[in-house]
Amino acid sequence: MQEGRVAGTGRADYMRCMSVSETSAPLLPILIYPESVLRKVARPITPADADEVRRLVPSMFATMYNAPGIGLAANQIGSLLRMIVVDVAPKEKPEPMALINPEIIAKSDETATQEEGCLSIPDQYAEVTRPARVKVRYQDPEGMKKEIEAEGLLSACLQHEIDHLNGVLFVDYLSALKRNMLLRKLAKAQKGR
């Protein structure tokens, strides 16, 4: 999820959260829409993927912070492993998290609308309505099973990144008219780069 005009904070705030290993991790290229891997469903991570997970997590954090962003899914950097990294600090807790095989196991009936952006759809923002609260089950990079209940920005970020793992983009929640306008603006901006 791209650091938004409303929801985001400055890059310096993100840099303070990074560990030494993350700051020295190589940056990875972020794939830009309409890259086909962004529409693919990520596969579950197994114990056989442990070395790849250990290699990717620090680079995903470094890439996310450098963008700057508050969330990044593995398919945004070309990997179809089912994992995301998020850090909505200093606005909300918890601290930076890497979530392996995340799944939403409960959603509130109440909804919330927030402006969202996406690192794979750079500099384009739109209001998206999602469940206000979610409960997510996942594993940490060491394989420990965990659950987190989230609301506010963290809830929106988790839903946005888990959507990526299912081949869904935030623009899919927009009306056809708004989606087409936003994607035309993206295409025009990409031609100018």
N, C-alpha and C. Protein backbone atom coordinates (compact mmCIF):
# COMPACT_ATOMS: atom_id res chain seq x y z
N MET A 1 0.87 -1.17 0.00
CA MET A 1 0.00 0.00 0.00
C MET A 1 0.91 1.23 0.00
N GLN A 2 0.60 2.15 -0.85
CA GLN A 2 1.43 3.35 -0.98
C GLN A 2 1.15 4.32 0.14
N GLU A 3 2.21 4.94 0.60
CA GLU A 3 2.05 5.99 1.60
C GLU A 3 1.13 7.04 1.01
N GLY A 4 -0.01 7.22 1.63
CA GLY A 4 -1.03 8.10 1.08
C GLY A 4 -0.88 9.54 1.52
N ARG A 5 -1.59 10.40 0.84
CA ARG A 5 -1.57 11.82 1.18
C ARG A 5 -2.26 12.04 2.52
N VAL A 6 -3.24 11.17 2.84
CA VAL A 6 -3.97 11.31 4.09
C VAL A 6 -3.38 10.41 5.16
N ALA A 7 -3.15 9.15 4.81
CA ALA A 7 -2.81 8.16 5.82
C ALA A 7 -1.32 8.05 6.11
N GLY A 8 -0.46 8.49 5.21
CA GLY A 8 0.96 8.23 5.35
C GLY A 8 1.69 9.19 6.26
N THR A 9 2.93 8.85 6.52
CA THR A 9 3.82 9.71 7.26
C THR A 9 5.10 9.84 6.46
N GLY A 10 6.05 10.58 6.97
CA GLY A 10 7.28 10.82 6.23
C GLY A 10 8.23 9.65 6.22
N ARG A 11 9.12 9.64 5.22
CA ARG A 11 10.09 8.56 5.07
C ARG A 11 10.98 8.44 6.31
N ALA A 12 11.33 9.54 6.93
CA ALA A 12 12.18 9.49 8.12
C ALA A 12 11.53 8.69 9.23
N ASP A 13 10.21 8.81 9.36
CA ASP A 13 9.50 8.04 10.38
C ASP A 13 9.62 6.55 10.11
N TYR A 14 9.58 6.16 8.82
CA TYR A 14 9.71 4.75 8.49
C TYR A 14 11.14 4.27 8.72
N MET A 15 12.11 5.09 8.39
CA MET A 15 13.50 4.67 8.52
C MET A 15 13.85 4.35 9.96
N ARG A 16 13.24 5.04 10.93
CA ARG A 16 13.57 4.79 12.32
C ARG A 16 13.14 3.40 12.77
N CYS A 17 12.19 2.79 12.05
CA CYS A 17 11.68 1.47 12.43
C CYS A 17 12.55 0.34 11.88
N MET A 18 13.45 0.66 10.98
CA MET A 18 14.20 -0.39 10.30
C MET A 18 15.36 -0.88 11.15
N SER A 19 15.58 -2.19 11.10
CA SER A 19 16.73 -2.77 11.78
C SER A 19 17.93 -2.65 10.85
N VAL A 20 19.11 -2.92 11.39
CA VAL A 20 20.34 -2.84 10.60
C VAL A 20 20.27 -3.80 9.42
N SER A 21 19.74 -5.02 9.64
CA SER A 21 19.69 -5.99 8.55
C SER A 21 18.78 -5.51 7.43
N GLU A 22 17.71 -4.76 7.77
CA GLU A 22 16.81 -4.27 6.75
C GLU A 22 17.44 -3.14 5.95
N THR A 23 18.22 -2.29 6.61
CA THR A 23 18.81 -1.17 5.89
C THR A 23 19.87 -1.63 4.91
N SER A 24 20.51 -2.77 5.17
CA SER A 24 21.54 -3.27 4.26
C SER A 24 20.98 -4.28 3.27
N ALA A 25 19.70 -4.60 3.36
CA ALA A 25 19.09 -5.56 2.45
C ALA A 25 18.95 -4.93 1.07
N PRO A 26 19.13 -5.74 0.03
CA PRO A 26 18.99 -5.18 -1.32
C PRO A 26 17.55 -4.76 -1.62
N LEU A 27 17.43 -3.65 -2.34
CA LEU A 27 16.12 -3.20 -2.79
C LEU A 27 15.69 -4.05 -3.98
N LEU A 28 14.40 -4.30 -4.07
CA LEU A 28 13.84 -5.10 -5.15
C LEU A 28 12.98 -4.21 -6.04
N PRO A 29 12.92 -4.51 -7.34
CA PRO A 29 12.05 -3.71 -8.21
C PRO A 29 10.58 -3.99 -7.90
N ILE A 30 9.78 -2.94 -7.82
CA ILE A 30 8.34 -3.08 -7.60
C ILE A 30 7.66 -3.13 -8.96
N LEU A 31 6.88 -4.18 -9.18
CA LEU A 31 6.18 -4.34 -10.45
C LEU A 31 5.02 -3.36 -10.53
N ILE A 32 4.84 -2.81 -11.71
CA ILE A 32 3.82 -1.79 -11.96
C ILE A 32 2.70 -2.38 -12.83
N TYR A 33 1.46 -2.03 -12.49
CA TYR A 33 0.30 -2.44 -13.28
C TYR A 33 0.52 -1.99 -14.72
N PRO A 34 0.24 -2.82 -15.73
CA PRO A 34 -0.54 -4.05 -15.76
C PRO A 34 0.28 -5.34 -15.72
N GLU A 35 1.41 -5.36 -15.06
CA GLU A 35 2.24 -6.56 -14.94
C GLU A 35 1.35 -7.75 -14.54
N SER A 36 1.42 -8.85 -15.30
CA SER A 36 0.47 -9.96 -15.12
C SER A 36 0.57 -10.66 -13.77
N VAL A 37 1.75 -10.69 -13.15
CA VAL A 37 1.89 -11.39 -11.86
C VAL A 37 1.03 -10.73 -10.78
N LEU A 38 0.68 -9.47 -10.96
CA LEU A 38 -0.16 -8.78 -9.98
C LEU A 38 -1.57 -9.35 -9.94
N ARG A 39 -1.97 -10.06 -10.97
CA ARG A 39 -3.30 -10.66 -11.04
C ARG A 39 -3.29 -12.15 -10.71
N LYS A 40 -2.14 -12.67 -10.31
CA LYS A 40 -2.04 -14.10 -9.98
C LYS A 40 -2.23 -14.32 -8.49
N VAL A 41 -2.75 -15.50 -8.15
CA VAL A 41 -2.94 -15.88 -6.75
C VAL A 41 -1.63 -16.47 -6.24
N ALA A 42 -1.17 -15.96 -5.11
CA ALA A 42 0.08 -16.45 -4.51
C ALA A 42 -0.14 -17.83 -3.89
N ARG A 43 0.91 -18.63 -3.87
CA ARG A 43 0.80 -19.99 -3.32
C ARG A 43 1.20 -20.00 -1.85
N PRO A 44 0.60 -20.92 -1.08
CA PRO A 44 0.97 -21.01 0.33
C PRO A 44 2.45 -21.33 0.51
N ILE A 45 3.02 -20.77 1.54
CA ILE A 45 4.42 -21.02 1.89
C ILE A 45 4.49 -22.30 2.72
N THR A 46 5.48 -23.13 2.41
CA THR A 46 5.72 -24.38 3.14
C THR A 46 7.07 -24.29 3.84
N PRO A 47 7.38 -25.24 4.73
CA PRO A 47 8.70 -25.23 5.37
C PRO A 47 9.86 -25.26 4.37
N ALA A 48 9.64 -25.83 3.20
CA ALA A 48 10.69 -25.88 2.18
C ALA A 48 11.05 -24.49 1.67
N ASP A 49 10.19 -23.50 1.90
CA ASP A 49 10.43 -22.13 1.45
C ASP A 49 11.16 -21.27 2.48
N ALA A 50 11.56 -21.85 3.61
CA ALA A 50 12.10 -21.08 4.73
C ALA A 50 13.29 -20.20 4.32
N ASP A 51 14.22 -20.74 3.55
CA ASP A 51 15.39 -19.95 3.15
C ASP A 51 14.99 -18.76 2.28
N GLU A 52 14.05 -18.97 1.37
CA GLU A 52 13.58 -17.89 0.49
C GLU A 52 12.87 -16.82 1.31
N VAL A 53 12.08 -17.24 2.30
CA VAL A 53 11.38 -16.27 3.16
C VAL A 53 12.40 -15.44 3.93
N ARG A 54 13.40 -16.09 4.52
CA ARG A 54 14.44 -15.36 5.27
C ARG A 54 15.19 -14.37 4.37
N ARG A 55 15.38 -14.73 3.12
CA ARG A 55 16.06 -13.85 2.18
C ARG A 55 15.17 -12.67 1.77
N LEU A 56 13.89 -12.94 1.53
CA LEU A 56 13.00 -11.91 1.00
C LEU A 56 12.51 -10.90 2.03
N VAL A 57 12.25 -11.33 3.26
CA VAL A 57 11.62 -10.43 4.24
C VAL A 57 12.42 -9.14 4.43
N PRO A 58 13.72 -9.18 4.71
CA PRO A 58 14.45 -7.91 4.88
C PRO A 58 14.43 -7.03 3.62
N SER A 59 14.52 -7.66 2.45
CA SER A 59 14.48 -6.89 1.20
C SER A 59 13.10 -6.30 0.95
N MET A 60 12.05 -7.02 1.34
CA MET A 60 10.70 -6.48 1.18
C MET A 60 10.50 -5.26 2.09
N PHE A 61 10.97 -5.35 3.34
CA PHE A 61 10.88 -4.18 4.22
C PHE A 61 11.66 -3.01 3.65
N ALA A 62 12.91 -3.25 3.24
CA ALA A 62 13.75 -2.17 2.70
C ALA A 62 13.10 -1.54 1.47
N THR A 63 12.54 -2.37 0.60
CA THR A 63 11.89 -1.88 -0.61
C THR A 63 10.65 -1.06 -0.27
N MET A 64 9.85 -1.56 0.69
CA MET A 64 8.64 -0.85 1.11
C MET A 64 8.99 0.52 1.69
N TYR A 65 9.97 0.55 2.60
CA TYR A 65 10.34 1.82 3.23
C TYR A 65 10.91 2.80 2.21
N ASN A 66 11.69 2.28 1.26
CA ASN A 66 12.32 3.13 0.26
C ASN A 66 11.29 3.76 -0.68
N ALA A 67 10.16 3.11 -0.88
CA ALA A 67 9.18 3.53 -1.91
C ALA A 67 8.62 4.95 -1.73
N PRO A 68 8.13 5.47 -0.64
CA PRO A 68 7.84 4.84 0.65
C PRO A 68 6.42 4.28 0.65
N GLY A 69 6.24 3.22 1.44
CA GLY A 69 4.94 2.59 1.56
C GLY A 69 4.71 2.09 2.96
N ILE A 70 3.51 1.59 3.20
CA ILE A 70 3.17 1.03 4.51
C ILE A 70 2.84 -0.45 4.42
N GLY A 71 2.89 -1.01 3.21
CA GLY A 71 2.64 -2.43 3.02
C GLY A 71 3.16 -2.87 1.67
N LEU A 72 3.54 -4.15 1.59
CA LEU A 72 4.04 -4.71 0.33
C LEU A 72 3.75 -6.20 0.33
N ALA A 73 3.20 -6.69 -0.78
CA ALA A 73 2.94 -8.12 -0.95
C ALA A 73 4.03 -8.70 -1.85
N ALA A 74 4.33 -9.99 -1.64
CA ALA A 74 5.42 -10.62 -2.39
C ALA A 74 5.21 -10.57 -3.89
N ASN A 75 3.96 -10.68 -4.35
CA ASN A 75 3.78 -10.66 -5.81
C ASN A 75 4.09 -9.28 -6.41
N GLN A 76 4.13 -8.24 -5.59
CA GLN A 76 4.51 -6.93 -6.10
C GLN A 76 6.00 -6.85 -6.44
N ILE A 77 6.78 -7.81 -5.93
CA ILE A 77 8.20 -7.85 -6.28
C ILE A 77 8.49 -9.11 -7.12
N GLY A 78 7.43 -9.72 -7.65
CA GLY A 78 7.59 -10.82 -8.59
C GLY A 78 7.61 -12.21 -7.99
N SER A 79 7.40 -12.35 -6.70
CA SER A 79 7.38 -13.66 -6.05
C SER A 79 5.93 -14.08 -5.80
N LEU A 80 5.62 -15.32 -6.07
CA LEU A 80 4.27 -15.81 -5.81
C LEU A 80 4.17 -16.54 -4.48
N LEU A 81 5.07 -16.21 -3.55
CA LEU A 81 4.95 -16.73 -2.18
C LEU A 81 3.90 -15.91 -1.44
N ARG A 82 3.12 -16.58 -0.60
CA ARG A 82 2.01 -15.92 0.10
C ARG A 82 2.53 -15.23 1.36
N MET A 83 3.05 -14.01 1.18
CA MET A 83 3.57 -13.25 2.32
C MET A 83 3.47 -11.76 2.05
N ILE A 84 3.34 -11.02 3.17
CA ILE A 84 3.26 -9.56 3.10
C ILE A 84 4.09 -8.97 4.23
N VAL A 85 4.48 -7.72 4.05
CA VAL A 85 5.08 -6.95 5.14
C VAL A 85 4.26 -5.68 5.30
N VAL A 86 4.07 -5.25 6.55
CA VAL A 86 3.31 -4.03 6.82
C VAL A 86 3.97 -3.26 7.95
N ASP A 87 3.84 -1.95 7.90
CA ASP A 87 4.29 -1.08 8.98
C ASP A 87 3.52 0.23 8.86
N VAL A 88 2.52 0.38 9.72
CA VAL A 88 1.72 1.61 9.71
C VAL A 88 2.17 2.58 10.79
N ALA A 89 3.28 2.29 11.45
CA ALA A 89 3.82 3.17 12.50
C ALA A 89 4.26 4.47 11.86
N PRO A 90 4.28 5.58 12.53
CA PRO A 90 3.99 5.73 13.95
C PRO A 90 2.52 5.96 14.24
N LYS A 91 1.68 5.90 13.23
CA LYS A 91 0.26 6.16 13.43
C LYS A 91 -0.40 5.13 14.35
N GLU A 92 -0.07 3.87 14.18
CA GLU A 92 -0.75 2.81 14.92
C GLU A 92 0.25 1.74 15.32
N LYS A 93 -0.15 0.89 16.24
CA LYS A 93 0.63 -0.27 16.62
C LYS A 93 0.04 -1.46 15.89
N PRO A 94 0.71 -2.56 15.74
CA PRO A 94 2.00 -2.93 16.30
C PRO A 94 3.16 -2.44 15.44
N GLU A 95 4.33 -2.88 15.82
CA GLU A 95 5.55 -2.55 15.08
C GLU A 95 5.52 -3.26 13.72
N PRO A 96 6.54 -3.09 12.90
CA PRO A 96 6.59 -3.74 11.59
C PRO A 96 6.35 -5.25 11.71
N MET A 97 5.57 -5.78 10.76
CA MET A 97 5.23 -7.20 10.80
C MET A 97 5.43 -7.83 9.43
N ALA A 98 5.95 -9.05 9.43
CA ALA A 98 5.98 -9.90 8.24
C ALA A 98 4.96 -11.01 8.50
N LEU A 99 4.00 -11.15 7.61
CA LEU A 99 2.93 -12.13 7.77
C LEU A 99 3.04 -13.18 6.68
N ILE A 100 3.19 -14.43 7.11
CA ILE A 100 3.32 -15.57 6.20
C ILE A 100 1.96 -16.26 6.14
N ASN A 101 1.50 -16.59 4.94
CA ASN A 101 0.21 -17.24 4.73
C ASN A 101 -0.93 -16.54 5.47
N PRO A 102 -1.04 -15.21 5.34
CA PRO A 102 -2.11 -14.51 6.06
C PRO A 102 -3.47 -14.82 5.46
N GLU A 103 -4.46 -14.93 6.34
CA GLU A 103 -5.83 -15.11 5.88
C GLU A 103 -6.77 -14.36 6.81
N ILE A 104 -7.74 -13.71 6.22
CA ILE A 104 -8.75 -13.00 7.00
C ILE A 104 -9.76 -14.03 7.46
N ILE A 105 -9.91 -14.15 8.80
CA ILE A 105 -10.83 -15.15 9.34
C ILE A 105 -12.11 -14.54 9.88
N ALA A 106 -12.15 -13.23 10.03
CA ALA A 106 -13.37 -12.55 10.46
C ALA A 106 -13.33 -11.10 9.98
N LYS A 107 -14.51 -10.58 9.62
CA LYS A 107 -14.66 -9.19 9.17
C LYS A 107 -15.86 -8.59 9.89
N SER A 108 -15.77 -7.32 10.18
CA SER A 108 -16.92 -6.63 10.79
C SER A 108 -17.96 -6.32 9.71
N ASP A 109 -19.20 -6.20 10.15
CA ASP A 109 -20.25 -5.75 9.23
C ASP A 109 -20.12 -4.25 8.97
N GLU A 110 -19.60 -3.55 9.97
CA GLU A 110 -19.38 -2.11 9.84
C GLU A 110 -18.28 -1.87 8.81
N THR A 111 -18.44 -0.82 8.01
CA THR A 111 -17.42 -0.50 7.00
C THR A 111 -16.76 0.84 7.31
N ALA A 112 -15.64 1.06 6.66
CA ALA A 112 -14.91 2.32 6.77
C ALA A 112 -14.37 2.65 5.38
N THR A 113 -14.33 3.92 5.08
CA THR A 113 -13.81 4.38 3.79
C THR A 113 -12.55 5.18 4.04
N GLN A 114 -11.48 4.78 3.34
CA GLN A 114 -10.19 5.48 3.45
C GLN A 114 -9.61 5.66 2.07
N GLU A 115 -8.81 6.69 1.92
CA GLU A 115 -8.07 6.88 0.69
C GLU A 115 -6.94 5.86 0.65
N GLU A 116 -6.83 5.15 -0.47
CA GLU A 116 -5.76 4.17 -0.64
C GLU A 116 -4.94 4.49 -1.87
N GLY A 117 -3.71 4.05 -1.82
CA GLY A 117 -2.80 4.10 -2.94
C GLY A 117 -2.08 2.77 -2.99
N CYS A 118 -1.30 2.55 -4.02
CA CYS A 118 -0.63 1.25 -4.18
C CYS A 118 0.72 1.48 -4.85
N LEU A 119 1.74 0.81 -4.32
CA LEU A 119 3.07 0.95 -4.90
C LEU A 119 3.13 0.43 -6.33
N SER A 120 2.21 -0.47 -6.70
CA SER A 120 2.16 -1.00 -8.06
C SER A 120 1.28 -0.16 -8.99
N ILE A 121 0.60 0.82 -8.42
CA ILE A 121 -0.19 1.80 -9.19
C ILE A 121 0.24 3.17 -8.65
N PRO A 122 1.49 3.56 -8.93
CA PRO A 122 2.08 4.72 -8.25
C PRO A 122 1.35 6.04 -8.48
N ASP A 123 1.30 6.80 -7.39
CA ASP A 123 0.78 8.17 -7.40
C ASP A 123 -0.69 8.29 -7.80
N GLN A 124 -1.43 7.20 -7.65
CA GLN A 124 -2.87 7.22 -7.93
C GLN A 124 -3.59 6.84 -6.65
N TYR A 125 -4.60 7.59 -6.29
CA TYR A 125 -5.30 7.38 -5.02
C TYR A 125 -6.80 7.39 -5.25
N ALA A 126 -7.51 6.63 -4.42
CA ALA A 126 -8.97 6.63 -4.49
C ALA A 126 -9.53 6.18 -3.14
N GLU A 127 -10.73 6.60 -2.86
CA GLU A 127 -11.39 6.17 -1.63
C GLU A 127 -11.94 4.77 -1.84
N VAL A 128 -11.64 3.89 -0.87
CA VAL A 128 -12.07 2.49 -0.92
C VAL A 128 -12.82 2.18 0.36
N THR A 129 -13.95 1.51 0.23
CA THR A 129 -14.74 1.09 1.38
C THR A 129 -14.48 -0.38 1.64
N ARG A 130 -14.11 -0.69 2.89
CA ARG A 130 -13.80 -2.05 3.31
C ARG A 130 -14.40 -2.29 4.69
N PRO A 131 -14.42 -3.56 5.15
CA PRO A 131 -14.81 -3.79 6.55
C PRO A 131 -13.93 -2.98 7.49
N ALA A 132 -14.53 -2.40 8.52
CA ALA A 132 -13.79 -1.53 9.45
C ALA A 132 -12.79 -2.31 10.29
N ARG A 133 -13.12 -3.55 10.62
CA ARG A 133 -12.25 -4.37 11.47
C ARG A 133 -12.10 -5.76 10.85
N VAL A 134 -10.91 -6.33 11.02
CA VAL A 134 -10.66 -7.70 10.56
C VAL A 134 -9.85 -8.45 11.60
N LYS A 135 -9.96 -9.76 11.53
CA LYS A 135 -9.11 -10.65 12.32
C LYS A 135 -8.34 -11.49 11.31
N VAL A 136 -7.02 -11.51 11.45
CA VAL A 136 -6.15 -12.18 10.49
C VAL A 136 -5.34 -13.25 11.20
N ARG A 137 -5.32 -14.44 10.62
CA ARG A 137 -4.47 -15.54 11.10
C ARG A 137 -3.27 -15.63 10.16
N TYR A 138 -2.10 -15.83 10.73
CA TYR A 138 -0.88 -15.88 9.92
C TYR A 138 0.22 -16.60 10.70
N GLN A 139 1.36 -16.77 10.07
CA GLN A 139 2.56 -17.25 10.74
C GLN A 139 3.60 -16.15 10.65
N ASP A 140 4.44 -16.05 11.68
CA ASP A 140 5.55 -15.12 11.59
C ASP A 140 6.68 -15.81 10.82
N PRO A 141 7.77 -15.11 10.49
CA PRO A 141 8.84 -15.73 9.70
C PRO A 141 9.49 -16.95 10.36
N GLU A 142 9.32 -17.09 11.68
CA GLU A 142 9.87 -18.26 12.37
C GLU A 142 8.88 -19.42 12.38
N GLY A 143 7.70 -19.24 11.81
CA GLY A 143 6.71 -20.31 11.72
C GLY A 143 5.70 -20.36 12.85
N MET A 144 5.76 -19.38 13.78
CA MET A 144 4.81 -19.35 14.89
C MET A 144 3.44 -18.88 14.38
N LYS A 145 2.39 -19.64 14.75
CA LYS A 145 1.03 -19.25 14.35
C LYS A 145 0.54 -18.13 15.25
N LYS A 146 -0.07 -17.11 14.62
CA LYS A 146 -0.53 -15.94 15.36
C LYS A 146 -1.84 -15.45 14.77
N GLU A 147 -2.51 -14.60 15.54
CA GLU A 147 -3.71 -13.90 15.07
C GLU A 147 -3.60 -12.45 15.51
N ILE A 148 -4.17 -11.59 14.70
CA ILE A 148 -4.20 -10.17 15.05
C ILE A 148 -5.57 -9.61 14.69
N GLU A 149 -6.09 -8.79 15.57
CA GLU A 149 -7.32 -8.05 15.29
C GLU A 149 -6.91 -6.62 14.96
N ALA A 150 -7.45 -6.09 13.89
CA ALA A 150 -7.02 -4.77 13.43
C ALA A 150 -8.22 -3.91 13.07
N GLU A 151 -8.02 -2.61 13.24
CA GLU A 151 -9.01 -1.61 12.82
C GLU A 151 -8.24 -0.42 12.27
N GLY A 152 -8.96 0.53 11.71
CA GLY A 152 -8.32 1.74 11.20
C GLY A 152 -7.37 1.46 10.05
N LEU A 153 -6.27 2.19 10.04
CA LEU A 153 -5.30 2.08 8.96
C LEU A 153 -4.72 0.68 8.85
N LEU A 154 -4.43 0.03 9.98
CA LEU A 154 -3.86 -1.32 9.93
C LEU A 154 -4.85 -2.28 9.28
N SER A 155 -6.12 -2.18 9.60
CA SER A 155 -7.13 -3.04 8.98
C SER A 155 -7.15 -2.85 7.47
N ALA A 156 -7.19 -1.60 7.02
CA ALA A 156 -7.20 -1.32 5.58
C ALA A 156 -5.94 -1.85 4.90
N CYS A 157 -4.79 -1.65 5.55
CA CYS A 157 -3.52 -2.10 4.98
C CYS A 157 -3.47 -3.62 4.86
N LEU A 158 -3.87 -4.32 5.92
CA LEU A 158 -3.87 -5.79 5.86
C LEU A 158 -4.80 -6.29 4.75
N GLN A 159 -5.99 -5.72 4.65
CA GLN A 159 -6.92 -6.15 3.61
C GLN A 159 -6.36 -5.86 2.22
N HIS A 160 -5.76 -4.70 2.04
CA HIS A 160 -5.17 -4.31 0.76
C HIS A 160 -4.07 -5.29 0.35
N GLU A 161 -3.17 -5.61 1.28
CA GLU A 161 -2.05 -6.50 0.95
C GLU A 161 -2.50 -7.94 0.75
N ILE A 162 -3.44 -8.41 1.56
CA ILE A 162 -3.96 -9.77 1.37
C ILE A 162 -4.70 -9.86 0.04
N ASP A 163 -5.40 -8.80 -0.34
CA ASP A 163 -6.02 -8.77 -1.68
C ASP A 163 -4.96 -9.01 -2.75
N HIS A 164 -3.80 -8.36 -2.64
CA HIS A 164 -2.73 -8.57 -3.62
C HIS A 164 -2.43 -10.06 -3.77
N LEU A 165 -2.35 -10.78 -2.65
CA LEU A 165 -2.03 -12.20 -2.70
C LEU A 165 -3.10 -13.01 -3.43
N ASN A 166 -4.28 -12.44 -3.56
CA ASN A 166 -5.38 -13.09 -4.27
C ASN A 166 -5.59 -12.51 -5.67
N GLY A 167 -4.63 -11.70 -6.13
CA GLY A 167 -4.71 -11.13 -7.47
C GLY A 167 -5.70 -9.98 -7.60
N VAL A 168 -6.06 -9.37 -6.46
CA VAL A 168 -7.04 -8.28 -6.44
C VAL A 168 -6.31 -6.97 -6.14
N LEU A 169 -6.67 -5.92 -6.88
CA LEU A 169 -6.09 -4.60 -6.68
C LEU A 169 -7.13 -3.65 -6.13
N PHE A 170 -6.70 -2.59 -5.45
CA PHE A 170 -7.66 -1.66 -4.86
C PHE A 170 -8.57 -1.03 -5.90
N VAL A 171 -8.11 -0.91 -7.14
CA VAL A 171 -8.95 -0.33 -8.19
C VAL A 171 -10.15 -1.22 -8.52
N ASP A 172 -10.09 -2.49 -8.15
CA ASP A 172 -11.20 -3.40 -8.40
C ASP A 172 -12.42 -3.05 -7.56
N TYR A 173 -12.24 -2.26 -6.51
CA TYR A 173 -13.35 -1.83 -5.65
C TYR A 173 -14.02 -0.56 -6.16
N LEU A 174 -13.47 0.03 -7.20
CA LEU A 174 -14.00 1.28 -7.73
C LEU A 174 -15.04 1.02 -8.81
N SER A 175 -15.87 2.00 -9.08
CA SER A 175 -16.79 1.90 -10.21
C SER A 175 -15.96 1.80 -11.49
N ALA A 176 -16.56 1.26 -12.54
CA ALA A 176 -15.84 1.13 -13.81
C ALA A 176 -15.34 2.49 -14.30
N LEU A 177 -16.15 3.51 -14.13
CA LEU A 177 -15.76 4.85 -14.57
C LEU A 177 -14.54 5.35 -13.80
N LYS A 178 -14.57 5.27 -12.48
CA LYS A 178 -13.44 5.73 -11.66
C LYS A 178 -12.19 4.90 -11.95
N ARG A 179 -12.36 3.57 -12.05
CA ARG A 179 -11.22 2.69 -12.31
C ARG A 179 -10.57 3.05 -13.63
N ASN A 180 -11.37 3.21 -14.69
CA ASN A 180 -10.81 3.53 -16.01
C ASN A 180 -10.12 4.88 -16.02
N MET A 181 -10.69 5.87 -15.34
CA MET A 181 -10.05 7.19 -15.26
C MET A 181 -8.70 7.08 -14.56
N LEU A 182 -8.66 6.37 -13.44
CA LEU A 182 -7.42 6.24 -12.67
C LEU A 182 -6.36 5.50 -13.48
N LEU A 183 -6.75 4.42 -14.16
CA LEU A 183 -5.77 3.64 -14.93
C LEU A 183 -5.29 4.40 -16.16
N ARG A 184 -6.15 5.24 -16.73
CA ARG A 184 -5.70 6.11 -17.84
C ARG A 184 -4.67 7.12 -17.35
N LYS A 185 -4.92 7.69 -16.16
CA LYS A 185 -3.95 8.62 -15.58
C LYS A 185 -2.62 7.92 -15.33
N LEU A 186 -2.68 6.67 -14.85
CA LEU A 186 -1.46 5.90 -14.61
C LEU A 186 -0.71 5.67 -15.92
N ALA A 187 -1.42 5.25 -16.96
CA ALA A 187 -0.78 4.99 -18.25
C ALA A 187 -0.12 6.25 -18.80
N LYS A 188 -0.81 7.38 -18.66
CA LYS A 188 -0.25 8.65 -19.13
C LYS A 188 1.01 9.01 -18.34
N ALA A 189 0.96 8.82 -17.04
CA ALA A 189 2.13 9.12 -16.20
C ALA A 189 3.30 8.20 -16.54
N GLN A 190 3.01 6.93 -16.82
CA GLN A 190 4.07 5.98 -17.15
C GLN A 190 4.73 6.32 -18.48
N LYS A 191 3.96 6.82 -19.43
CA LYS A 191 4.53 7.21 -20.73
C LYS A 191 5.49 8.38 -20.56
N GLY A 192 5.20 9.24 -19.59
CA GLY A 192 6.03 10.42 -19.35
C GLY A 192 7.32 10.12 -18.60
N ARG A 193 7.47 8.91 -18.09
CA ARG A 193 8.68 8.57 -17.30
C ARG A 193 9.78 8.02 -18.15
